[in-house]
C-alpha atoms as a PDB file:
ATOM      1  CA  MET A   1     103.905-151.973 -66.173  1.00  0.00           C
ATOM      2  CA  THR A   2     104.885-148.390 -66.815  1.00  0.00           C
ATOM      3  CA  ASP A   3     107.308-147.944 -64.722  1.00  0.00           C
ATOM      4  CA  ASP A   4     110.641-146.331 -65.721  1.00  0.00           C
ATOM      5  CA  LEU A   5     113.346-148.792 -66.159  1.00  0.00           C
ATOM      6  CA  GLU A   6     116.514-147.806 -66.107  1.00  0.00           C
ATOM      7  CA  GLU A   7     120.154-150.015 -66.681  1.00  0.00           C
ATOM      8  CA  THR A   8     122.112-149.716 -63.364  1.00  0.00           C
ATOM      9  CA  GLY A   9     125.631-151.930 -63.270  1.00  0.00           C
ATOM     10  CA  GLY A  10     124.315-154.457 -65.848  1.00  0.00           C
ATOM     11  CA  VAL A  11     121.193-154.118 -64.000  1.00  0.00           C
ATOM     12  CA  ARG A  12     117.419-153.064 -65.396  1.00  0.00           C
ATOM     13  CA  GLU A  13     116.246-150.827 -62.153  1.00  0.00           C
ATOM     14  CA  VAL A  14     112.991-150.591 -61.692  1.00  0.00           C
ATOM     15  CA  LYS A  15     112.877-146.362 -60.577  1.00  0.00           C
ATOM     16  CA  SER A  16     109.603-146.575 -58.609  1.00  0.00           C
ATOM     17  CA  ALA A  17     110.985-149.655 -56.699  1.00  0.00           C
ATOM     18  CA  ALA A  18     114.290-147.271 -56.365  1.00  0.00           C
ATOM     19  CA  ARG A  19     112.428-144.022 -55.542  1.00  0.00           C
ATOM     20  CA  THR A  20     110.706-146.102 -52.740  1.00  0.00           C
ATOM     21  CA  VAL A  21     113.275-147.613 -51.211  1.00  0.00           C
ATOM     22  CA  GLU A  22     115.594-144.259 -51.341  1.00  0.00           C
ATOM     23  CA  LEU A  23     112.484-142.940 -49.540  1.00  0.00           C
ATOM     24  CA  LEU A  24     112.035-145.507 -46.648  1.00  0.00           C
ATOM     25  CA  GLU A  25     116.335-145.257 -45.964  1.00  0.00           C
ATOM     26  CA  TYR A  26     115.747-141.862 -45.796  1.00  0.00           C
ATOM     27  CA  LEU A  27     113.083-141.757 -43.200  1.00  0.00           C
ATOM     28  CA  ALA A  28     114.855-144.718 -40.736  1.00  0.00           C
ATOM     29  CA  ALA A  29     118.096-142.620 -41.389  1.00  0.00           C
ATOM     30  CA  ARG A  30     116.201-139.952 -39.335  1.00  0.00           C
ATOM     31  CA  ARG A  31     115.106-141.706 -36.186  1.00  0.00           C
ATOM     32  CA  ASN A  32     112.562-139.780 -34.164  1.00  0.00           C
ATOM     33  CA  ARG A  33     113.058-136.705 -36.840  1.00  0.00           C
ATOM     34  CA  PRO A  34     109.816-136.344 -39.082  1.00  0.00           C
ATOM     35  CA  ALA A  35     110.033-134.747 -41.775  1.00  0.00           C
ATOM     36  CA  ARG A  36     107.633-132.138 -44.414  1.00  0.00           C
ATOM     37  CA  LEU A  37     107.461-132.548 -47.869  1.00  0.00           C
ATOM     38  CA  ARG A  38     109.428-130.129 -49.290  1.00  0.00           C
ATOM     39  CA  GLU A  39     112.510-131.511 -47.172  1.00  0.00           C
ATOM     40  CA  LEU A  40     112.168-135.315 -48.376  1.00  0.00           C
ATOM     41  CA  SER A  41     111.380-133.441 -52.076  1.00  0.00           C
ATOM     42  CA  ASP A  42     114.843-131.909 -51.636  1.00  0.00           C
ATOM     43  CA  ALA A  43     116.989-134.184 -49.814  1.00  0.00           C
ATOM     44  CA  LEU A  44     116.096-136.899 -52.846  1.00  0.00           C
ATOM     45  CA  GLY A  45     115.307-134.890 -55.656  1.00  0.00           C
ATOM     46  CA  VAL A  46     112.277-135.930 -56.496  1.00  0.00           C
ATOM     47  CA  PRO A  47     109.055-133.743 -57.129  1.00  0.00           C
ATOM     48  CA  ARG A  48     106.615-133.092 -54.608  1.00  0.00           C
ATOM     49  CA  SER A  49     103.684-134.587 -56.664  1.00  0.00           C
ATOM     50  CA  SER A  50     105.177-137.603 -57.508  1.00  0.00           C
ATOM     51  CA  LEU A  51     106.673-137.691 -54.273  1.00  0.00           C
ATOM     52  CA  HIS A  52     103.356-137.085 -52.275  1.00  0.00           C
ATOM     53  CA  ALA A  53     101.622-139.585 -53.637  1.00  0.00           C
ATOM     54  CA  LEU A  54     104.269-142.036 -53.023  1.00  0.00           C
ATOM     55  CA  LEU A  55     104.446-140.940 -48.672  1.00  0.00           C
ATOM     56  CA  ARG A  56     100.158-141.569 -49.294  1.00  0.00           C
ATOM     57  CA  THR A  57     100.333-144.854 -50.516  1.00  0.00           C
ATOM     58  CA  LEU A  58     103.496-145.820 -48.656  1.00  0.00           C
ATOM     59  CA  VAL A  59     101.141-143.891 -45.594  1.00  0.00           C
ATOM     60  CA  LYS A  60      97.869-146.418 -46.598  1.00  0.00           C
ATOM     61  CA  HIS A  61      99.954-149.743 -46.404  1.00  0.00           C
ATOM     62  CA  GLY A  62     102.189-148.563 -43.274  1.00  0.00           C
ATOM     63  CA  TRP A  63     105.104-148.340 -44.348  1.00  0.00           C
ATOM     64  CA  VAL A  64     105.022-144.439 -43.633  1.00  0.00           C
ATOM     65  CA  ARG A  65     103.261-142.927 -41.020  1.00  0.00           C
ATOM     66  CA  ALA A  66     102.217-139.451 -40.979  1.00  0.00           C
ATOM     67  CA  ASP A  67     101.218-136.696 -37.924  1.00  0.00           C
ATOM     68  CA  SER A  68      97.677-135.855 -37.688  1.00  0.00           C
ATOM     69  CA  SER A  69      98.445-132.301 -39.927  1.00  0.00           C
ATOM     70  CA  GLY A  70      98.655-134.642 -42.897  1.00  0.00           C
ATOM     71  CA  SER A  71     102.503-132.867 -43.049  1.00  0.00           C
ATOM     72  CA  LEU A  72     104.870-134.414 -40.956  1.00  0.00           C
ATOM     73  CA  TYR A  73     106.519-138.305 -42.317  1.00  0.00           C
ATOM     74  CA  GLY A  74     108.185-140.727 -40.502  1.00  0.00           C
ATOM     75  CA  ILE A  75     109.284-144.556 -40.844  1.00  0.00           C
ATOM     76  CA  GLY A  76     106.045-146.985 -40.394  1.00  0.00           C
ATOM     77  CA  ILE A  77     105.334-149.456 -38.499  1.00  0.00           C
ATOM     78  CA  ARG A  78     105.741-152.031 -41.326  1.00  0.00           C
ATOM     79  CA  ALA A  79     109.336-151.200 -41.556  1.00  0.00           C
ATOM     80  CA  LEU A  80     109.654-152.665 -37.966  1.00  0.00           C
ATOM     81  CA  LEU A  81     107.978-155.947 -38.572  1.00  0.00           C
ATOM     82  CA  ALA A  82     110.297-156.537 -41.877  1.00  0.00           C
ATOM     83  CA  GLY A  83     113.594-155.695 -39.734  1.00  0.00           C
ATOM     84  CA  THR A  84     111.958-157.857 -36.918  1.00  0.00           C
ATOM     85  CA  SER A  85     111.556-160.991 -39.679  1.00  0.00           C
ATOM     86  CA  TYR A  86     115.273-160.631 -40.209  1.00  0.00           C
ATOM     87  CA  LEU A  87     116.604-161.283 -37.449  1.00  0.00           C
ATOM     88  CA  ASP A  88     114.104-163.610 -36.454  1.00  0.00           C
ATOM     89  CA  THR A  89     115.461-166.160 -39.285  1.00  0.00           C
ATOM     90  CA  ASP A  90     119.422-164.969 -39.728  1.00  0.00           C
ATOM     91  CA  PRO A  91     121.042-167.731 -39.078  1.00  0.00           C
ATOM     92  CA  TYR A  92     124.254-166.526 -37.558  1.00  0.00           C
ATOM     93  CA  LEU A  93     122.544-164.385 -35.032  1.00  0.00           C
ATOM     94  CA  ALA A  94     120.991-167.089 -32.891  1.00  0.00           C
ATOM     95  CA  LEU A  95     124.268-168.587 -33.328  1.00  0.00           C
ATOM     96  CA  ILE A  96     125.804-165.606 -31.654  1.00  0.00           C
ATOM     97  CA  VAL A  97     123.450-163.810 -28.766  1.00  0.00           C
ATOM     98  CA  PRO A  98     124.728-166.709 -26.644  1.00  0.00           C
ATOM     99  CA  PHE A  99     128.226-165.561 -27.452  1.00  0.00           C
ATOM    100  CA  LEU A 100     127.704-161.733 -26.745  1.00  0.00           C
ATOM    101  CA  GLU A 101     126.340-163.390 -23.449  1.00  0.00           C
ATOM    102  CA  GLU A 102     129.088-165.505 -21.996  1.00  0.00           C
ATOM    103  CA  LEU A 103     130.930-162.333 -22.500  1.00  0.00           C
ATOM    104  CA  ARG A 104     128.896-159.782 -20.892  1.00  0.00           C
ATOM    105  CA  GLU A 105     128.936-162.806 -18.044  1.00  0.00           C
ATOM    106  CA  LYS A 106     132.498-162.814 -18.008  1.00  0.00           C
ATOM    107  CA  VAL A 107     133.285-159.233 -18.247  1.00  0.00           C
ATOM    108  CA  ASP A 108     130.021-156.548 -17.180  1.00  0.00           C
ATOM    109  CA  GLU A 109     130.296-154.546 -20.385  1.00  0.00           C
ATOM    110  CA  THR A 110     128.898-153.522 -23.177  1.00  0.00           C
ATOM    111  CA  PHE A 111     128.731-156.226 -26.568  1.00  0.00           C
ATOM    112  CA  HIS A 112     127.761-155.476 -29.610  1.00  0.00           C
ATOM    113  CA  PHE A 113     126.718-157.598 -32.360  1.00  0.00           C
ATOM    114  CA  GLY A 114     127.194-156.172 -36.079  1.00  0.00           C
ATOM    115  CA  ARG A 115     127.559-156.495 -40.037  1.00  0.00           C
ATOM    116  CA  LEU A 116     128.902-154.858 -42.592  1.00  0.00           C
ATOM    117  CA  ASP A 117     126.140-153.704 -44.682  1.00  0.00           C
ATOM    118  CA  GLY A 118     128.094-150.862 -48.128  1.00  0.00           C
ATOM    119  CA  PRO A 119     129.258-148.276 -45.875  1.00  0.00           C
ATOM    120  CA  ASP A 120     128.092-149.101 -42.835  1.00  0.00           C
ATOM    121  CA  VAL A 121     127.940-151.657 -39.945  1.00  0.00           C
ATOM    122  CA  VAL A 122     124.691-152.351 -38.538  1.00  0.00           C
ATOM    123  CA  TYR A 123     123.907-153.303 -35.041  1.00  0.00           C
ATOM    124  CA  LEU A 124     121.763-156.656 -34.876  1.00  0.00           C
ATOM    125  CA  ALA A 125     122.434-157.305 -31.235  1.00  0.00           C
ATOM    126  CA  THR A 126     123.130-155.627 -28.215  1.00  0.00           C
ATOM    127  CA  ARG A 127     123.983-156.987 -24.914  1.00  0.00           C
ATOM    128  CA  GLU A 128     123.960-154.120 -21.890  1.00  0.00           C
ATOM    129  CA  SER A 129     126.617-153.706 -18.825  1.00  0.00           C
ATOM    130  CA  SER A 130     124.254-153.311 -15.923  1.00  0.00           C
ATOM    131  CA  GLN A 131     126.872-150.823 -14.839  1.00  0.00           C
ATOM    132  CA  TYR A 132     124.407-148.022 -16.791  1.00  0.00           C
ATOM    133  CA  LEU A 133     121.618-147.786 -18.807  1.00  0.00           C
ATOM    134  CA  ARG A 134     120.852-145.952 -22.481  1.00  0.00           C
ATOM    135  CA  PRO A 135     118.108-144.559 -23.640  1.00  0.00           C
ATOM    136  CA  TYR A 136     117.730-146.179 -26.465  1.00  0.00           C
ATOM    137  CA  SER A 137     117.990-149.946 -28.193  1.00  0.00           C
ATOM    138  CA  ARG A 138     120.866-149.931 -31.097  1.00  0.00           C
ATOM    139  CA  VAL A 139     119.343-152.811 -32.643  1.00  0.00           C
ATOM    140  CA  GLY A 140     118.780-151.991 -36.182  1.00  0.00           C
ATOM    141  CA  ARG A 141     120.554-148.708 -35.879  1.00  0.00           C
ATOM    142  CA  ARG A 142     123.612-147.413 -38.620  1.00  0.00           C
ATOM    143  CA  LEU A 143     127.100-146.061 -38.117  1.00  0.00           C
ATOM    144  CA  PRO A 144     129.858-145.203 -40.820  1.00  0.00           C
ATOM    145  CA  ALA A 145     132.173-148.127 -41.391  1.00  0.00           C
ATOM    146  CA  TYR A 146     135.185-145.712 -41.016  1.00  0.00           C
ATOM    147  CA  SER A 147     134.553-144.500 -37.639  1.00  0.00           C
ATOM    148  CA  THR A 148     133.501-147.615 -35.285  1.00  0.00           C
ATOM    149  CA  ALA A 149     135.132-150.789 -33.823  1.00  0.00           C
ATOM    150  CA  LEU A 150     133.041-153.081 -35.678  1.00  0.00           C
ATOM    151  CA  GLY A 151     133.785-151.809 -39.153  1.00  0.00           C
ATOM    152  CA  LYS A 152     137.525-150.915 -38.944  1.00  0.00           C
ATOM    153  CA  SER A 153     137.890-154.601 -37.869  1.00  0.00           C
ATOM    154  CA  LEU A 154     135.855-155.853 -41.246  1.00  0.00           C
ATOM    155  CA  LEU A 155     137.673-153.148 -43.828  1.00  0.00           C
ATOM    156  CA  ALA A 156     141.290-154.525 -42.417  1.00  0.00           C
ATOM    157  CA  GLU A 157     139.809-158.154 -43.893  1.00  0.00           C
ATOM    158  CA  ARG A 158     139.621-156.032 -47.423  1.00  0.00           C
ATOM    159  CA  SER A 159     142.473-155.043 -50.425  1.00  0.00           C
ATOM    160  CA  PRO A 160     142.244-151.344 -50.905  1.00  0.00           C
ATOM    161  CA  ALA A 161     140.537-151.754 -53.804  1.00  0.00           C
ATOM    162  CA  GLN A 162     137.244-153.542 -51.689  1.00  0.00           C
ATOM    163  CA  LEU A 163     137.492-150.584 -49.147  1.00  0.00           C
ATOM    164  CA  ASP A 164     135.781-148.307 -52.382  1.00  0.00           C
ATOM    165  CA  GLY A 165     132.656-150.116 -52.109  1.00  0.00           C
ATOM    166  CA  HIS A 166     132.230-149.754 -48.215  1.00  0.00           C
ATOM    167  CA  LEU A 167     133.767-145.982 -47.936  1.00  0.00           C
ATOM    168  CA  PRO A 168     131.143-142.726 -48.432  1.00  0.00           C
ATOM    169  CA  LYS A 169     133.282-140.013 -50.855  1.00  0.00           C
ATOM    170  CA  THR A 170     133.871-137.578 -48.184  1.00  0.00           C
ATOM    171  CA  MET A 171     134.676-139.281 -44.497  1.00  0.00           C
ATOM    172  CA  GLU A 172     132.479-137.048 -42.080  1.00  0.00           C
ATOM    173  CA  ALA A 173     133.962-136.656 -38.264  1.00  0.00           C
ATOM    174  CA  LEU A 174     131.467-137.650 -35.943  1.00  0.00           C
ATOM    175  CA  THR A 175     133.366-136.835 -33.490  1.00  0.00           C
ATOM    176  CA  ARG A 176     137.132-134.468 -32.852  1.00  0.00           C
ATOM    177  CA  HIS A 177     138.881-138.106 -32.971  1.00  0.00           C
ATOM    178  CA  THR A 178     136.824-139.542 -35.989  1.00  0.00           C
ATOM    179  CA  ILE A 179     139.744-140.372 -38.577  1.00  0.00           C
ATOM    180  CA  THR A 180     138.168-138.759 -41.943  1.00  0.00           C
ATOM    181  CA  SER A 181     141.093-139.403 -44.457  1.00  0.00           C
ATOM    182  CA  ARG A 182     141.822-142.492 -46.849  1.00  0.00           C
ATOM    183  CA  ALA A 183     145.584-142.597 -45.930  1.00  0.00           C
ATOM    184  CA  ALA A 184     144.927-141.908 -42.103  1.00  0.00           C
ATOM    185  CA  LEU A 185     141.977-144.829 -42.161  1.00  0.00           C
ATOM    186  CA  GLU A 186     143.924-146.962 -44.059  1.00  0.00           C
ATOM    187  CA  ALA A 187     147.257-146.986 -41.527  1.00  0.00           C
ATOM    188  CA  GLU A 188     144.768-147.655 -38.558  1.00  0.00           C
ATOM    189  CA  LEU A 189     144.090-150.261 -40.862  1.00  0.00           C
ATOM    190  CA  ASP A 190     147.112-151.899 -40.994  1.00  0.00           C
ATOM    191  CA  ARG A 191     147.465-151.704 -37.502  1.00  0.00           C
ATOM    192  CA  THR A 192     144.604-153.609 -36.871  1.00  0.00           C
ATOM    193  CA  ARG A 193     145.679-156.364 -38.398  1.00  0.00           C
ATOM    194  CA  LYS A 194     148.740-156.612 -36.948  1.00  0.00           C
ATOM    195  CA  ARG A 195     147.382-156.031 -33.546  1.00  0.00           C
ATOM    196  CA  GLY A 196     144.309-158.800 -34.718  1.00  0.00           C
ATOM    197  CA  TYR A 197     141.768-156.222 -33.533  1.00  0.00           C
ATOM    198  CA  ALA A 198     140.026-152.999 -33.899  1.00  0.00           C
ATOM    199  CA  ILE A 199     140.127-150.304 -31.978  1.00  0.00           C
ATOM    200  CA  ASP A 200     137.374-146.591 -31.960  1.00  0.00           C
ATOM    201  CA  GLU A 201     139.098-144.271 -29.421  1.00  0.00           C
ATOM    202  CA  GLN A 202     136.348-141.735 -29.138  1.00  0.00           C
ATOM    203  CA  GLU A 203     135.434-141.280 -33.086  1.00  0.00           C
ATOM    204  CA  ASN A 204     131.436-141.951 -32.465  1.00  0.00           C
ATOM    205  CA  SER A 205     130.889-140.968 -28.743  1.00  0.00           C
ATOM    206  CA  LEU A 206     133.341-138.977 -26.454  1.00  0.00           C
ATOM    207  CA  GLY A 207     134.329-141.237 -23.227  1.00  0.00           C
ATOM    208  CA  LEU A 208     133.728-144.430 -24.688  1.00  0.00           C
ATOM    209  CA  ARG A 209     136.657-146.961 -26.405  1.00  0.00           C
ATOM    210  CA  CYS A 210     135.982-149.676 -27.982  1.00  0.00           C
ATOM    211  CA  TYR A 211     137.183-153.042 -29.994  1.00  0.00           C
ATOM    212  CA  ALA A 212     136.204-155.504 -32.236  1.00  0.00           C
ATOM    213  CA  VAL A 213     137.264-158.258 -33.940  1.00  0.00           C
ATOM    214  CA  ALA A 214     136.196-159.754 -37.469  1.00  0.00           C
ATOM    215  CA  LEU A 215     134.702-163.619 -37.430  1.00  0.00           C
ATOM    216  CA  HIS A 216     135.889-165.568 -40.345  1.00  0.00           C
ATOM    217  CA  TYR A 217     132.919-167.941 -40.755  1.00  0.00           C
ATOM    218  CA  ALA A 218     132.342-166.401 -44.232  1.00  0.00           C
ATOM    219  CA  ASP A 219     135.361-164.717 -46.793  1.00  0.00           C
ATOM    220  CA  PRO A 220     135.422-162.018 -46.393  1.00  0.00           C
ATOM    221  CA  PRO A 221     134.165-161.802 -42.964  1.00  0.00           C
ATOM    222  CA  VAL A 222     131.066-158.685 -43.112  1.00  0.00           C
ATOM    223  CA  ASP A 223     130.377-159.688 -38.841  1.00  0.00           C
ATOM    224  CA  ALA A 224     132.209-158.720 -36.092  1.00  0.00           C
ATOM    225  CA  ILE A 225     132.059-158.194 -32.221  1.00  0.00           C
ATOM    226  CA  SER A 226     132.490-155.333 -29.510  1.00  0.00           C
ATOM    227  CA  VAL A 227     132.960-154.501 -26.458  1.00  0.00           C
ATOM    228  CA  SER A 228     132.200-150.600 -25.572  1.00  0.00           C
ATOM    229  CA  ILE A 229     134.329-149.646 -22.493  1.00  0.00           C
ATOM    230  CA  PRO A 230     133.934-145.780 -20.732  1.00  0.00           C
ATOM    231  CA  LEU A 231     137.408-144.684 -20.486  1.00  0.00           C
ATOM    232  CA  ALA A 232     136.544-143.419 -16.783  1.00  0.00           C
ATOM    233  CA  ARG A 233     137.192-146.928 -15.569  1.00  0.00           C
ATOM    234  CA  LEU A 234     139.374-148.538 -18.200  1.00  0.00           C
ATOM    235  CA  SER A 235     143.093-149.634 -16.888  1.00  0.00           C
ATOM    236  CA  THR A 236     145.704-151.234 -18.693  1.00  0.00           C
ATOM    237  CA  GLU A 237     145.144-154.511 -16.858  1.00  0.00           C
ATOM    238  CA  GLY A 238     141.461-154.518 -17.799  1.00  0.00           C
ATOM    239  CA  GLU A 239     142.203-153.620 -21.938  1.00  0.00           C
ATOM    240  CA  LEU A 240     144.810-156.445 -21.876  1.00  0.00           C
ATOM    241  CA  GLU A 241     142.251-158.962 -20.339  1.00  0.00           C
ATOM    242  CA  VAL A 242     139.326-157.749 -22.306  1.00  0.00           C
ATOM    243  CA  VAL A 243     140.731-158.313 -25.298  1.00  0.00           C
ATOM    244  CA  ALA A 244     142.527-161.205 -24.532  1.00  0.00           C
ATOM    245  CA  ILE A 245     138.832-162.774 -23.892  1.00  0.00           C
ATOM    246  CA  MET A 246     137.529-161.292 -27.459  1.00  0.00           C
ATOM    247  CA  LEU A 247     141.057-163.195 -29.537  1.00  0.00           C
ATOM    248  CA  GLN A 248     139.741-166.194 -27.766  1.00  0.00           C
ATOM    249  CA  LEU A 249     135.967-166.147 -27.912  1.00  0.00           C
ATOM    250  CA  ARG A 250     136.940-165.406 -32.181  1.00  0.00           C
ATOM    251  CA  ASP A 251     138.858-168.343 -32.503  1.00  0.00           C
ATOM    252  CA  ARG A 252     136.183-170.207 -30.934  1.00  0.00           C
ATOM    253  CA  ILE A 253     133.545-168.937 -33.010  1.00  0.00           C
ATOM    254  CA  THR A 254     135.889-169.993 -36.361  1.00  0.00           C
ATOM    255  CA  ARG A 255     135.179-173.208 -34.957  1.00  0.00           C
ATOM    256  CA  VAL A 256     132.911-173.865 -33.395  1.00  0.00           C
ATOM    257  CA  VAL A 257     130.202-172.199 -36.127  1.00  0.00           C
ATOM    258  CA  ASN A 258     129.764-172.977 -39.718  1.00  0.00           C
ATOM    259  CA  PRO A 259     129.453-171.221 -43.013  1.00  0.00           C
ATOM    260  CA  LEU A 260     126.013-171.376 -44.341  1.00  0.00           C
ATOM    261  CA  GLY A 261     126.473-169.545 -47.123  1.00  0.00           C
ATOM    262  CA  GLY A 262     124.421-166.105 -48.186  1.00  0.00           C
ATOM    263  CA  LEU A 263     126.983-163.992 -46.789  1.00  0.00           C
ATOM    264  CA  SER A 264     129.412-161.298 -48.933  1.00  0.00           C
ATOM    265  CA  GLY A 265     131.255-158.707 -49.089  1.00  0.00           C
END
């Protein structure tokens, strides 16, 4: 094997494998925006000749797709198959989805189930409100943990030292309401602990308020559920009702879903 090895955190990392993962993650994050070779080379800091050979290999095996001219690249269908396999085999997802459906029946709003992954929250399931439709599925989408109710409910379960592994060097604003300073975020996480639930006040999408609770079948929790409600139809009474339902359901899940192992954060 001719791959160069690099010591990373006590683990011997295969550079070509790490480069492949970085490329796939970069393309996946762009969603429906294909990239040219030059852009990929600049973003990843990889010579174009090396990257072109890697792209050709990944296109051949279906992990990357290219347009008819061979100059634009996007994520391939094999990535979808791998992601679907993850969803199909995740033991907690199957247990939590019925609770999401129960929530949506009680309160006709949009509910999400997400998992903390490094500095992001990954959406694993969504049950949409019948009152409006979105043009895309959130499943598989990644958002910064610091800007989401899902993420903040999970960050609040961690010590300040543990937060370092879940926050980027720069907290960028997704809207004008996004918290972008470490001090302000820690103050908000303290309020989250005292309330027992997290709030996203238009920090990802203008006009939406989200509430989330962490699920305590792992220690510390890595999964959470949330609800997104348009401010236009959110009343004080409605807010109190949905928060009470979320807290009750969190307690029920804690009682009936046993730790299965394999989750850590």
